[in-house]
Amino acid sequence: MKTAAAAALLILCAAGCGRHAAAPATTQTATTLRGLTPARVPHKPDFTLTDTAGHRFRLTTKTRGKLVYLYFGYTHCPDACPLTMATIAAALRRETAGVRRRIEVVFVTVDPRRDTAPVLRSWLRRYGSSFVGLTGSASQIRAAEAVSGVPLAAPEQQTGVDYSVSHSTLVLAYSPDDQAHVVYSDGFSTGAYAHDMPILLTY
C-alpha cells in the first residue's frame, strides 16, 4: 500500500523548527545521485488542495511528467523552510531553461491559520514566481501529509500569532515516473540539488 510504504520512510522527519531529526531510514547514494536513497521508494501521493489563486490543485494531474519537489512547511518558520526554499531556488538558477521548465516546486503550508493565500504567495515569490503554494483546512492538510507519509503535528504554542509548528524537514523529489528515487533532509547543498536535477528528470 502506497501510504504504508511512504510512512515507513517518512515518519522519521516530524521535527519542529530548530529540532530537526536525521533520516535513519535513508542512506546516501553511493554513485550518481547525491540525495538520500529511500528504504522504500515512495510513489507520488494523490491529494487535492487549494493553490494561492484559489484553484483546486490535484498533485498527480497538475505535475504529471515533471520532477516535483514536495515540501511541507510554513512561512513563519525561522530556519528550515526559508533555507530549503532558497537552496532549491539557487539550484534551479544553475539549470538551463529547458530543465527548469520540467521542474515544479510545491510547498504545502502546515499553518493554514496564518498562511492565507496572499501571505503564502508573497512569501514564495521571494524564492520563485513559479513555486506552487498549497493550503486547505487543517484536516485536508493532515490527510495530504498522511498520504505522503508525513504526519502533521499540532501547533506547539497557540497563544496569539507568535507560535511555532512542528513539521517535516524532508524534501520529497518525485521524478517524471512519479517515484521519489531520492529525498533530501535538512542541510543539503545547492550543489547537491543542482547535480541531481537533470539526472532525476531521466527517470
N, C-alpha and C. Protein backbone atom coordinates (compact mmCIF):
# COMPACT_ATOMS: atom_id res chain seq x y z
N MET A 1 0.84 -1.19 0.00
CA MET A 1 0.00 0.00 0.00
C MET A 1 0.87 1.24 0.00
N LYS A 2 0.60 2.21 -0.89
CA LYS A 2 1.48 3.36 -1.05
C LYS A 2 1.65 4.13 0.25
N THR A 3 0.58 4.35 0.96
CA THR A 3 0.67 5.13 2.19
C THR A 3 1.56 4.44 3.21
N ALA A 4 1.42 3.15 3.34
CA ALA A 4 2.24 2.41 4.29
C ALA A 4 3.71 2.47 3.92
N ALA A 5 4.00 2.36 2.62
CA ALA A 5 5.39 2.41 2.18
C ALA A 5 5.99 3.77 2.45
N ALA A 6 5.22 4.81 2.19
CA ALA A 6 5.73 6.16 2.43
C ALA A 6 5.92 6.40 3.92
N ALA A 7 4.98 5.90 4.71
CA ALA A 7 5.08 6.12 6.15
C ALA A 7 6.32 5.47 6.73
N ALA A 8 6.68 4.32 6.19
CA ALA A 8 7.88 3.63 6.68
C ALA A 8 9.11 4.48 6.49
N LEU A 9 9.11 5.28 5.43
CA LEU A 9 10.24 6.16 5.16
C LEU A 9 10.15 7.47 5.91
N LEU A 10 8.99 8.09 5.93
CA LEU A 10 8.91 9.50 6.26
C LEU A 10 8.50 9.85 7.68
N ILE A 11 8.04 8.89 8.44
CA ILE A 11 7.62 9.21 9.80
C ILE A 11 8.79 9.70 10.64
N LEU A 12 10.00 9.47 10.16
CA LEU A 12 11.21 9.87 10.85
C LEU A 12 11.41 11.38 10.89
N CYS A 13 10.74 12.18 10.08
CA CYS A 13 11.11 13.58 9.98
C CYS A 13 10.01 14.53 10.43
N ALA A 14 9.40 14.33 11.57
CA ALA A 14 8.37 15.23 12.06
C ALA A 14 8.94 16.15 13.13
N ALA A 15 10.13 16.66 12.89
CA ALA A 15 10.77 17.52 13.89
C ALA A 15 10.32 18.95 13.74
N GLY A 16 10.33 19.69 14.85
CA GLY A 16 9.98 21.10 14.79
C GLY A 16 11.16 21.92 14.36
N CYS A 17 10.90 23.18 13.95
CA CYS A 17 11.98 24.07 13.57
C CYS A 17 12.94 24.19 14.74
N GLY A 18 14.23 24.03 14.45
CA GLY A 18 15.23 24.10 15.48
C GLY A 18 15.52 22.76 16.12
N ARG A 19 14.70 21.74 15.86
CA ARG A 19 14.92 20.40 16.40
C ARG A 19 14.69 19.41 15.27
N HIS A 20 15.50 19.48 14.24
CA HIS A 20 15.27 18.69 13.04
C HIS A 20 15.89 17.31 13.16
N ALA A 21 15.10 16.29 12.89
CA ALA A 21 15.56 14.91 13.02
C ALA A 21 16.40 14.51 11.83
N ALA A 22 17.27 13.55 12.06
CA ALA A 22 18.03 12.96 10.97
C ALA A 22 17.14 11.99 10.21
N ALA A 23 17.68 11.30 9.22
CA ALA A 23 16.88 10.43 8.38
C ALA A 23 17.40 9.00 8.42
N PRO A 24 17.10 8.25 9.48
CA PRO A 24 17.65 6.91 9.65
C PRO A 24 17.16 5.90 8.64
N ALA A 25 16.03 6.15 7.97
CA ALA A 25 15.50 5.17 7.02
C ALA A 25 16.02 5.40 5.62
N THR A 26 17.02 6.27 5.46
CA THR A 26 17.58 6.54 4.15
C THR A 26 19.09 6.42 4.23
N THR A 27 19.72 6.25 3.08
CA THR A 27 21.16 6.18 3.01
C THR A 27 21.67 7.06 1.88
N GLN A 28 22.90 7.53 1.99
CA GLN A 28 23.49 8.32 0.91
C GLN A 28 23.70 7.41 -0.29
N THR A 29 23.32 7.89 -1.48
CA THR A 29 23.55 7.09 -2.67
C THR A 29 25.05 6.96 -2.90
N ALA A 30 25.47 5.79 -3.32
CA ALA A 30 26.89 5.52 -3.44
C ALA A 30 27.50 6.07 -4.73
N THR A 31 26.69 6.24 -5.76
CA THR A 31 27.26 6.62 -7.04
C THR A 31 26.71 7.93 -7.56
N THR A 32 25.74 7.86 -8.48
CA THR A 32 25.38 9.01 -9.27
C THR A 32 24.68 10.12 -8.49
N LEU A 33 23.56 9.81 -7.88
CA LEU A 33 22.77 10.83 -7.21
C LEU A 33 23.35 11.19 -5.84
N ARG A 34 23.15 12.44 -5.44
CA ARG A 34 23.69 12.90 -4.17
C ARG A 34 22.64 12.96 -3.06
N GLY A 35 21.39 12.77 -3.42
CA GLY A 35 20.34 12.75 -2.41
C GLY A 35 20.36 11.46 -1.63
N LEU A 36 19.39 11.30 -0.75
CA LEU A 36 19.27 10.10 0.08
C LEU A 36 18.37 9.08 -0.60
N THR A 37 18.79 7.85 -0.60
CA THR A 37 18.01 6.78 -1.22
C THR A 37 17.00 6.23 -0.22
N PRO A 38 15.70 6.32 -0.51
CA PRO A 38 14.71 5.80 0.43
C PRO A 38 14.82 4.29 0.60
N ALA A 39 14.52 3.81 1.79
CA ALA A 39 14.50 2.38 2.03
C ALA A 39 13.45 1.72 1.14
N ARG A 40 12.31 2.41 0.98
CA ARG A 40 11.28 2.01 0.03
C ARG A 40 10.96 3.24 -0.80
N VAL A 41 10.93 3.08 -2.11
CA VAL A 41 10.71 4.23 -2.99
C VAL A 41 9.24 4.65 -2.94
N PRO A 42 8.95 5.85 -2.41
CA PRO A 42 7.56 6.30 -2.32
C PRO A 42 7.01 6.70 -3.68
N HIS A 43 5.74 6.49 -3.87
CA HIS A 43 5.03 6.92 -5.07
C HIS A 43 4.42 8.28 -4.81
N LYS A 44 4.33 9.09 -5.85
CA LYS A 44 3.75 10.44 -5.69
C LYS A 44 2.34 10.34 -5.10
N PRO A 45 2.07 11.05 -4.01
CA PRO A 45 0.75 10.96 -3.37
C PRO A 45 -0.32 11.65 -4.20
N ASP A 46 -1.52 11.15 -4.08
CA ASP A 46 -2.66 11.72 -4.81
C ASP A 46 -3.53 12.49 -3.83
N PHE A 47 -3.32 13.80 -3.75
CA PHE A 47 -4.16 14.64 -2.90
C PHE A 47 -4.50 15.93 -3.63
N THR A 48 -5.56 16.56 -3.20
CA THR A 48 -6.01 17.81 -3.80
C THR A 48 -6.14 18.87 -2.71
N LEU A 49 -5.46 20.01 -2.91
CA LEU A 49 -5.57 21.15 -2.01
C LEU A 49 -5.88 22.38 -2.85
N THR A 50 -5.77 23.55 -2.27
CA THR A 50 -6.10 24.79 -2.97
C THR A 50 -4.85 25.63 -3.15
N ASP A 51 -4.62 26.11 -4.39
CA ASP A 51 -3.44 26.93 -4.62
C ASP A 51 -3.71 28.38 -4.23
N THR A 52 -2.70 29.23 -4.36
CA THR A 52 -2.83 30.61 -3.89
C THR A 52 -3.75 31.46 -4.76
N ALA A 53 -4.14 30.94 -5.92
CA ALA A 53 -5.11 31.64 -6.76
C ALA A 53 -6.53 31.19 -6.46
N GLY A 54 -6.67 30.27 -5.51
CA GLY A 54 -8.00 29.78 -5.14
C GLY A 54 -8.48 28.62 -5.97
N HIS A 55 -7.60 28.02 -6.78
CA HIS A 55 -7.98 26.90 -7.63
C HIS A 55 -7.62 25.57 -6.99
N ARG A 56 -8.42 24.56 -7.28
CA ARG A 56 -8.11 23.22 -6.81
C ARG A 56 -6.86 22.71 -7.51
N PHE A 57 -5.98 22.10 -6.74
CA PHE A 57 -4.71 21.62 -7.28
C PHE A 57 -4.55 20.16 -6.89
N ARG A 58 -4.73 19.27 -7.87
CA ARG A 58 -4.53 17.84 -7.64
C ARG A 58 -3.10 17.51 -8.02
N LEU A 59 -2.31 17.08 -7.08
CA LEU A 59 -0.88 16.92 -7.28
C LEU A 59 -0.56 15.99 -8.45
N THR A 60 -1.22 14.85 -8.51
CA THR A 60 -0.87 13.87 -9.53
C THR A 60 -1.12 14.37 -10.95
N THR A 61 -2.19 15.11 -11.16
CA THR A 61 -2.51 15.58 -12.51
C THR A 61 -1.80 16.88 -12.86
N LYS A 62 -1.69 17.79 -11.91
CA LYS A 62 -1.08 19.09 -12.19
C LYS A 62 0.43 19.00 -12.40
N THR A 63 1.05 17.95 -11.91
CA THR A 63 2.50 17.83 -12.01
C THR A 63 2.93 16.65 -12.88
N ARG A 64 2.00 16.14 -13.66
CA ARG A 64 2.30 14.95 -14.47
C ARG A 64 3.48 15.21 -15.42
N GLY A 65 4.42 14.27 -15.44
CA GLY A 65 5.54 14.37 -16.36
C GLY A 65 6.66 15.28 -15.91
N LYS A 66 6.58 15.79 -14.68
CA LYS A 66 7.59 16.71 -14.18
C LYS A 66 8.37 16.11 -13.01
N LEU A 67 9.49 16.74 -12.72
CA LEU A 67 10.22 16.46 -11.49
C LEU A 67 9.63 17.39 -10.44
N VAL A 68 9.12 16.82 -9.35
CA VAL A 68 8.38 17.59 -8.35
C VAL A 68 9.11 17.54 -7.01
N TYR A 69 9.37 18.71 -6.45
CA TYR A 69 9.93 18.80 -5.10
C TYR A 69 8.79 19.18 -4.16
N LEU A 70 8.42 18.27 -3.28
CA LEU A 70 7.29 18.47 -2.38
C LEU A 70 7.81 18.71 -0.97
N TYR A 71 7.31 19.79 -0.35
CA TYR A 71 7.78 20.16 0.99
C TYR A 71 6.60 20.65 1.81
N PHE A 72 6.53 20.21 3.06
CA PHE A 72 5.51 20.65 3.99
C PHE A 72 6.16 21.58 5.02
N GLY A 73 5.73 22.84 5.07
CA GLY A 73 6.32 23.79 6.00
C GLY A 73 5.39 24.96 6.26
N TYR A 74 5.95 26.07 6.71
CA TYR A 74 5.11 27.25 6.96
C TYR A 74 5.95 28.52 6.86
N THR A 75 5.30 29.62 6.56
CA THR A 75 6.03 30.85 6.22
C THR A 75 6.66 31.52 7.43
N HIS A 76 6.17 31.25 8.63
CA HIS A 76 6.76 31.85 9.83
C HIS A 76 7.92 31.02 10.39
N CYS A 77 8.25 29.95 9.72
CA CYS A 77 9.37 29.10 10.13
C CYS A 77 10.66 29.94 10.14
N PRO A 78 11.42 29.90 11.22
CA PRO A 78 12.59 30.75 11.32
C PRO A 78 13.84 30.22 10.63
N ASP A 79 13.83 28.94 10.22
CA ASP A 79 15.09 28.41 9.72
C ASP A 79 14.94 27.44 8.55
N ALA A 80 14.43 26.24 8.79
CA ALA A 80 14.45 25.20 7.78
C ALA A 80 13.70 25.56 6.50
N CYS A 81 12.50 26.12 6.63
CA CYS A 81 11.68 26.39 5.45
C CYS A 81 12.31 27.44 4.52
N PRO A 82 12.67 28.61 5.03
CA PRO A 82 13.30 29.57 4.12
C PRO A 82 14.63 29.09 3.55
N LEU A 83 15.41 28.38 4.35
CA LEU A 83 16.68 27.88 3.86
C LEU A 83 16.48 26.84 2.76
N THR A 84 15.52 25.95 2.95
CA THR A 84 15.26 24.91 1.95
C THR A 84 14.76 25.51 0.65
N MET A 85 13.81 26.44 0.73
CA MET A 85 13.30 27.07 -0.49
C MET A 85 14.39 27.86 -1.20
N ALA A 86 15.23 28.56 -0.45
CA ALA A 86 16.32 29.33 -1.05
C ALA A 86 17.33 28.41 -1.72
N THR A 87 17.59 27.27 -1.11
CA THR A 87 18.54 26.32 -1.67
C THR A 87 18.03 25.74 -2.98
N ILE A 88 16.78 25.35 -3.01
CA ILE A 88 16.20 24.81 -4.25
C ILE A 88 16.16 25.89 -5.33
N ALA A 89 15.80 27.12 -4.94
CA ALA A 89 15.75 28.22 -5.91
C ALA A 89 17.14 28.47 -6.51
N ALA A 90 18.17 28.44 -5.67
CA ALA A 90 19.53 28.65 -6.16
C ALA A 90 19.95 27.53 -7.10
N ALA A 91 19.55 26.31 -6.78
CA ALA A 91 19.87 25.18 -7.66
C ALA A 91 19.19 25.33 -9.01
N LEU A 92 17.95 25.77 -9.01
CA LEU A 92 17.23 25.97 -10.27
C LEU A 92 17.91 27.01 -11.15
N ARG A 93 18.47 28.04 -10.54
CA ARG A 93 19.14 29.08 -11.32
C ARG A 93 20.39 28.56 -12.03
N ARG A 94 20.90 27.43 -11.57
CA ARG A 94 22.08 26.84 -12.21
C ARG A 94 21.71 26.00 -13.43
N GLU A 95 20.43 25.70 -13.57
CA GLU A 95 20.00 24.82 -14.66
C GLU A 95 19.62 25.62 -15.90
N THR A 96 19.55 24.93 -17.03
CA THR A 96 19.11 25.55 -18.26
C THR A 96 17.60 25.81 -18.20
N ALA A 97 17.13 26.67 -19.06
CA ALA A 97 15.69 26.96 -19.10
C ALA A 97 14.89 25.70 -19.40
N GLY A 98 15.45 24.83 -20.23
CA GLY A 98 14.76 23.59 -20.58
C GLY A 98 14.57 22.68 -19.38
N VAL A 99 15.56 22.62 -18.52
CA VAL A 99 15.45 21.81 -17.30
C VAL A 99 14.47 22.45 -16.33
N ARG A 100 14.58 23.76 -16.15
CA ARG A 100 13.70 24.46 -15.20
C ARG A 100 12.23 24.30 -15.56
N ARG A 101 11.92 24.28 -16.85
CA ARG A 101 10.52 24.15 -17.28
C ARG A 101 9.92 22.81 -16.89
N ARG A 102 10.76 21.84 -16.63
CA ARG A 102 10.27 20.50 -16.32
C ARG A 102 10.27 20.21 -14.81
N ILE A 103 10.47 21.25 -14.02
CA ILE A 103 10.54 21.08 -12.57
C ILE A 103 9.46 21.90 -11.89
N GLU A 104 8.80 21.32 -10.90
CA GLU A 104 7.77 22.01 -10.12
C GLU A 104 8.13 21.92 -8.64
N VAL A 105 8.11 23.05 -7.97
CA VAL A 105 8.33 23.09 -6.53
C VAL A 105 6.98 23.34 -5.87
N VAL A 106 6.56 22.42 -5.01
CA VAL A 106 5.24 22.50 -4.36
C VAL A 106 5.44 22.61 -2.86
N PHE A 107 4.98 23.71 -2.30
CA PHE A 107 5.11 23.98 -0.86
C PHE A 107 3.72 23.93 -0.24
N VAL A 108 3.51 23.00 0.68
CA VAL A 108 2.22 22.86 1.36
C VAL A 108 2.35 23.45 2.76
N THR A 109 1.54 24.43 3.09
CA THR A 109 1.61 25.01 4.42
C THR A 109 1.00 24.06 5.46
N VAL A 110 1.65 24.00 6.61
CA VAL A 110 1.08 23.25 7.73
C VAL A 110 0.52 24.22 8.78
N ASP A 111 0.41 25.48 8.37
CA ASP A 111 -0.07 26.53 9.27
C ASP A 111 -1.13 27.38 8.54
N PRO A 112 -2.27 26.76 8.18
CA PRO A 112 -3.27 27.48 7.38
C PRO A 112 -3.87 28.68 8.11
N ARG A 113 -3.78 28.70 9.42
CA ARG A 113 -4.34 29.83 10.17
C ARG A 113 -3.66 31.14 9.78
N ARG A 114 -2.33 31.13 9.73
CA ARG A 114 -1.61 32.35 9.37
C ARG A 114 -1.26 32.43 7.89
N ASP A 115 -1.05 31.27 7.28
CA ASP A 115 -0.65 31.27 5.87
C ASP A 115 -1.86 31.34 4.95
N THR A 116 -2.45 32.52 4.89
CA THR A 116 -3.52 32.76 3.93
C THR A 116 -2.92 32.75 2.53
N ALA A 117 -3.75 32.70 1.52
CA ALA A 117 -3.26 32.66 0.14
C ALA A 117 -2.35 33.84 -0.18
N PRO A 118 -2.72 35.10 0.17
CA PRO A 118 -1.81 36.21 -0.12
C PRO A 118 -0.48 36.13 0.61
N VAL A 119 -0.53 35.70 1.87
CA VAL A 119 0.71 35.56 2.65
C VAL A 119 1.61 34.50 2.03
N LEU A 120 1.03 33.38 1.68
CA LEU A 120 1.80 32.27 1.10
C LEU A 120 2.39 32.67 -0.25
N ARG A 121 1.59 33.36 -1.07
CA ARG A 121 2.08 33.77 -2.39
C ARG A 121 3.22 34.77 -2.27
N SER A 122 3.06 35.74 -1.39
CA SER A 122 4.10 36.75 -1.19
C SER A 122 5.39 36.12 -0.70
N TRP A 123 5.29 35.19 0.21
CA TRP A 123 6.48 34.54 0.76
C TRP A 123 7.19 33.70 -0.29
N LEU A 124 6.45 32.93 -1.07
CA LEU A 124 7.05 32.08 -2.09
C LEU A 124 7.68 32.89 -3.21
N ARG A 125 7.14 34.09 -3.47
CA ARG A 125 7.68 34.93 -4.54
C ARG A 125 9.13 35.33 -4.27
N ARG A 126 9.53 35.29 -3.01
CA ARG A 126 10.92 35.60 -2.69
C ARG A 126 11.88 34.58 -3.32
N TYR A 127 11.39 33.38 -3.53
CA TYR A 127 12.24 32.30 -3.99
C TYR A 127 12.02 31.97 -5.46
N GLY A 128 10.78 32.00 -5.89
CA GLY A 128 10.49 31.71 -7.29
C GLY A 128 9.04 31.99 -7.61
N SER A 129 8.82 32.74 -8.68
CA SER A 129 7.44 33.09 -9.04
C SER A 129 6.63 31.87 -9.47
N SER A 130 7.33 30.81 -9.87
CA SER A 130 6.63 29.60 -10.32
C SER A 130 6.37 28.62 -9.19
N PHE A 131 6.92 28.87 -8.00
CA PHE A 131 6.72 27.94 -6.89
C PHE A 131 5.23 27.87 -6.55
N VAL A 132 4.72 26.68 -6.37
CA VAL A 132 3.30 26.47 -6.08
C VAL A 132 3.09 26.43 -4.58
N GLY A 133 2.15 27.23 -4.09
CA GLY A 133 1.79 27.21 -2.68
C GLY A 133 0.42 26.59 -2.52
N LEU A 134 0.29 25.66 -1.60
CA LEU A 134 -0.99 24.98 -1.38
C LEU A 134 -1.43 25.10 0.06
N THR A 135 -2.73 25.24 0.24
CA THR A 135 -3.31 25.31 1.57
C THR A 135 -4.65 24.59 1.57
N GLY A 136 -5.29 24.59 2.72
CA GLY A 136 -6.58 23.93 2.87
C GLY A 136 -6.96 23.96 4.32
N SER A 137 -7.97 23.22 4.68
CA SER A 137 -8.34 23.11 6.08
C SER A 137 -7.29 22.26 6.80
N ALA A 138 -7.28 22.34 8.12
CA ALA A 138 -6.33 21.53 8.89
C ALA A 138 -6.51 20.05 8.59
N SER A 139 -7.75 19.60 8.44
CA SER A 139 -7.99 18.18 8.17
C SER A 139 -7.52 17.80 6.77
N GLN A 140 -7.69 18.69 5.80
CA GLN A 140 -7.23 18.41 4.44
C GLN A 140 -5.71 18.31 4.38
N ILE A 141 -5.06 19.22 5.08
CA ILE A 141 -3.59 19.19 5.11
C ILE A 141 -3.10 17.95 5.83
N ARG A 142 -3.77 17.61 6.91
CA ARG A 142 -3.41 16.40 7.65
C ARG A 142 -3.52 15.17 6.75
N ALA A 143 -4.58 15.12 5.94
CA ALA A 143 -4.77 13.99 5.03
C ALA A 143 -3.69 13.96 3.97
N ALA A 144 -3.29 15.15 3.46
CA ALA A 144 -2.23 15.21 2.46
C ALA A 144 -0.91 14.72 3.04
N GLU A 145 -0.63 15.11 4.27
CA GLU A 145 0.60 14.64 4.91
C GLU A 145 0.55 13.14 5.16
N ALA A 146 -0.62 12.65 5.54
CA ALA A 146 -0.75 11.22 5.81
C ALA A 146 -0.48 10.39 4.56
N VAL A 147 -1.07 10.80 3.43
CA VAL A 147 -0.89 10.03 2.20
C VAL A 147 0.53 10.18 1.67
N SER A 148 1.23 11.25 2.09
CA SER A 148 2.62 11.44 1.70
C SER A 148 3.58 10.77 2.67
N GLY A 149 3.04 10.28 3.79
CA GLY A 149 3.86 9.65 4.79
C GLY A 149 4.46 10.63 5.79
N VAL A 150 3.95 11.86 5.80
CA VAL A 150 4.47 12.89 6.70
C VAL A 150 3.39 13.28 7.69
N PRO A 151 3.52 12.95 8.97
CA PRO A 151 2.49 13.29 9.95
C PRO A 151 2.48 14.77 10.28
N LEU A 152 1.32 15.31 10.48
CA LEU A 152 1.16 16.72 10.84
C LEU A 152 1.05 16.84 12.35
N ALA A 153 1.93 17.63 12.93
CA ALA A 153 1.88 17.87 14.38
C ALA A 153 1.07 19.13 14.65
N ALA A 154 0.43 19.18 15.80
CA ALA A 154 -0.34 20.36 16.19
C ALA A 154 0.60 21.51 16.53
N PRO A 155 0.13 22.76 16.40
CA PRO A 155 0.96 23.90 16.79
C PRO A 155 1.44 23.75 18.23
N GLU A 156 2.69 24.10 18.46
CA GLU A 156 3.25 23.95 19.80
C GLU A 156 2.75 25.03 20.75
N GLN A 157 2.55 26.23 20.21
CA GLN A 157 2.08 27.35 21.01
C GLN A 157 0.99 28.06 20.22
N GLN A 158 -0.21 28.04 20.74
CA GLN A 158 -1.33 28.62 20.00
C GLN A 158 -1.81 29.94 20.57
N THR A 159 -1.01 30.56 21.44
CA THR A 159 -1.39 31.84 22.02
C THR A 159 -1.03 32.97 21.07
N GLY A 160 -2.02 33.76 20.67
CA GLY A 160 -1.77 34.89 19.77
C GLY A 160 -1.35 34.43 18.39
N VAL A 161 -0.43 35.18 17.78
CA VAL A 161 0.00 34.86 16.42
C VAL A 161 1.46 34.43 16.37
N ASP A 162 2.14 34.44 17.50
CA ASP A 162 3.55 34.10 17.54
C ASP A 162 3.73 32.71 18.13
N TYR A 163 3.71 31.69 17.26
CA TYR A 163 3.88 30.33 17.73
C TYR A 163 4.64 29.54 16.66
N SER A 164 5.23 28.44 17.08
CA SER A 164 5.95 27.58 16.15
C SER A 164 5.15 26.32 15.85
N VAL A 165 5.47 25.68 14.74
CA VAL A 165 4.75 24.49 14.31
C VAL A 165 5.76 23.39 14.00
N SER A 166 5.58 22.22 14.59
CA SER A 166 6.42 21.08 14.25
C SER A 166 6.09 20.63 12.84
N HIS A 167 7.11 20.30 12.07
CA HIS A 167 6.86 19.87 10.70
C HIS A 167 8.03 19.06 10.18
N SER A 168 7.81 18.35 9.09
CA SER A 168 8.85 17.59 8.43
C SER A 168 9.85 18.55 7.79
N THR A 169 11.13 18.17 7.77
CA THR A 169 12.12 18.95 7.04
C THR A 169 12.63 18.17 5.83
N LEU A 170 11.87 17.18 5.43
CA LEU A 170 12.26 16.34 4.30
C LEU A 170 11.68 16.88 3.00
N VAL A 171 12.50 16.92 1.96
CA VAL A 171 12.05 17.27 0.61
C VAL A 171 11.92 15.97 -0.17
N LEU A 172 10.73 15.72 -0.69
CA LEU A 172 10.50 14.53 -1.50
C LEU A 172 10.61 14.92 -2.96
N ALA A 173 11.48 14.24 -3.69
CA ALA A 173 11.73 14.58 -5.10
C ALA A 173 11.14 13.48 -5.98
N TYR A 174 9.97 13.75 -6.58
CA TYR A 174 9.29 12.77 -7.43
C TYR A 174 9.68 13.00 -8.88
N SER A 175 10.29 11.99 -9.48
CA SER A 175 10.69 12.07 -10.88
C SER A 175 9.48 11.95 -11.79
N PRO A 176 9.66 12.16 -13.11
CA PRO A 176 8.52 12.04 -14.02
C PRO A 176 7.82 10.69 -13.98
N ASP A 177 8.50 9.65 -13.48
CA ASP A 177 7.84 8.35 -13.33
C ASP A 177 7.00 8.26 -12.07
N ASP A 178 6.86 9.40 -11.36
CA ASP A 178 6.02 9.52 -10.15
C ASP A 178 6.59 8.78 -8.95
N GLN A 179 7.88 8.53 -8.92
CA GLN A 179 8.51 7.90 -7.78
C GLN A 179 9.63 8.78 -7.22
N ALA A 180 9.79 8.72 -5.91
CA ALA A 180 10.84 9.50 -5.25
C ALA A 180 12.08 8.62 -5.10
N HIS A 181 12.94 8.67 -6.10
CA HIS A 181 14.15 7.86 -6.07
C HIS A 181 15.16 8.39 -5.06
N VAL A 182 15.06 9.68 -4.74
CA VAL A 182 15.87 10.27 -3.68
C VAL A 182 15.01 11.26 -2.90
N VAL A 183 15.42 11.49 -1.67
CA VAL A 183 14.82 12.54 -0.84
C VAL A 183 15.98 13.33 -0.24
N TYR A 184 15.66 14.50 0.30
CA TYR A 184 16.69 15.36 0.86
C TYR A 184 16.29 15.77 2.27
N SER A 185 17.19 15.58 3.20
CA SER A 185 16.96 16.04 4.55
C SER A 185 17.48 17.46 4.69
N ASP A 186 17.24 18.06 5.82
CA ASP A 186 17.68 19.42 6.09
C ASP A 186 19.21 19.51 5.95
N GLY A 187 19.69 20.55 5.26
CA GLY A 187 21.13 20.78 5.19
C GLY A 187 21.79 20.40 3.88
N PHE A 188 21.06 19.83 2.91
CA PHE A 188 21.67 19.52 1.63
C PHE A 188 22.02 20.81 0.89
N SER A 189 23.10 20.78 0.15
CA SER A 189 23.62 21.99 -0.50
C SER A 189 22.94 22.27 -1.84
N THR A 190 23.12 23.51 -2.29
CA THR A 190 22.65 23.89 -3.63
C THR A 190 23.28 22.99 -4.68
N GLY A 191 24.56 22.71 -4.52
CA GLY A 191 25.25 21.87 -5.49
C GLY A 191 24.68 20.48 -5.60
N ALA A 192 24.28 19.91 -4.47
CA ALA A 192 23.70 18.56 -4.48
C ALA A 192 22.38 18.55 -5.25
N TYR A 193 21.52 19.53 -4.97
CA TYR A 193 20.26 19.61 -5.70
C TYR A 193 20.51 19.82 -7.19
N ALA A 194 21.39 20.77 -7.53
CA ALA A 194 21.65 21.09 -8.93
C ALA A 194 22.24 19.89 -9.67
N HIS A 195 23.10 19.16 -9.01
CA HIS A 195 23.70 17.97 -9.62
C HIS A 195 22.64 16.93 -9.96
N ASP A 196 21.69 16.74 -9.06
CA ASP A 196 20.71 15.67 -9.22
C ASP A 196 19.57 16.00 -10.18
N MET A 197 19.26 17.28 -10.36
CA MET A 197 18.07 17.65 -11.14
C MET A 197 18.04 17.03 -12.54
N PRO A 198 19.07 17.21 -13.36
CA PRO A 198 18.98 16.63 -14.71
C PRO A 198 18.92 15.11 -14.70
N ILE A 199 19.54 14.49 -13.70
CA ILE A 199 19.52 13.02 -13.61
C ILE A 199 18.13 12.54 -13.24
N LEU A 200 17.51 13.19 -12.26
CA LEU A 200 16.17 12.77 -11.83
C LEU A 200 15.14 12.93 -12.94
N LEU A 201 15.38 13.85 -13.85
CA LEU A 201 14.45 14.04 -14.98
C LEU A 201 14.50 12.89 -15.97
N THR A 202 15.51 12.04 -15.88
CA THR A 202 15.62 10.92 -16.82
C THR A 202 14.83 9.69 -16.37
N TYR A 203 14.33 9.72 -15.13
CA TYR A 203 13.57 8.55 -14.64
C TYR A 203 12.14 8.59 -15.16
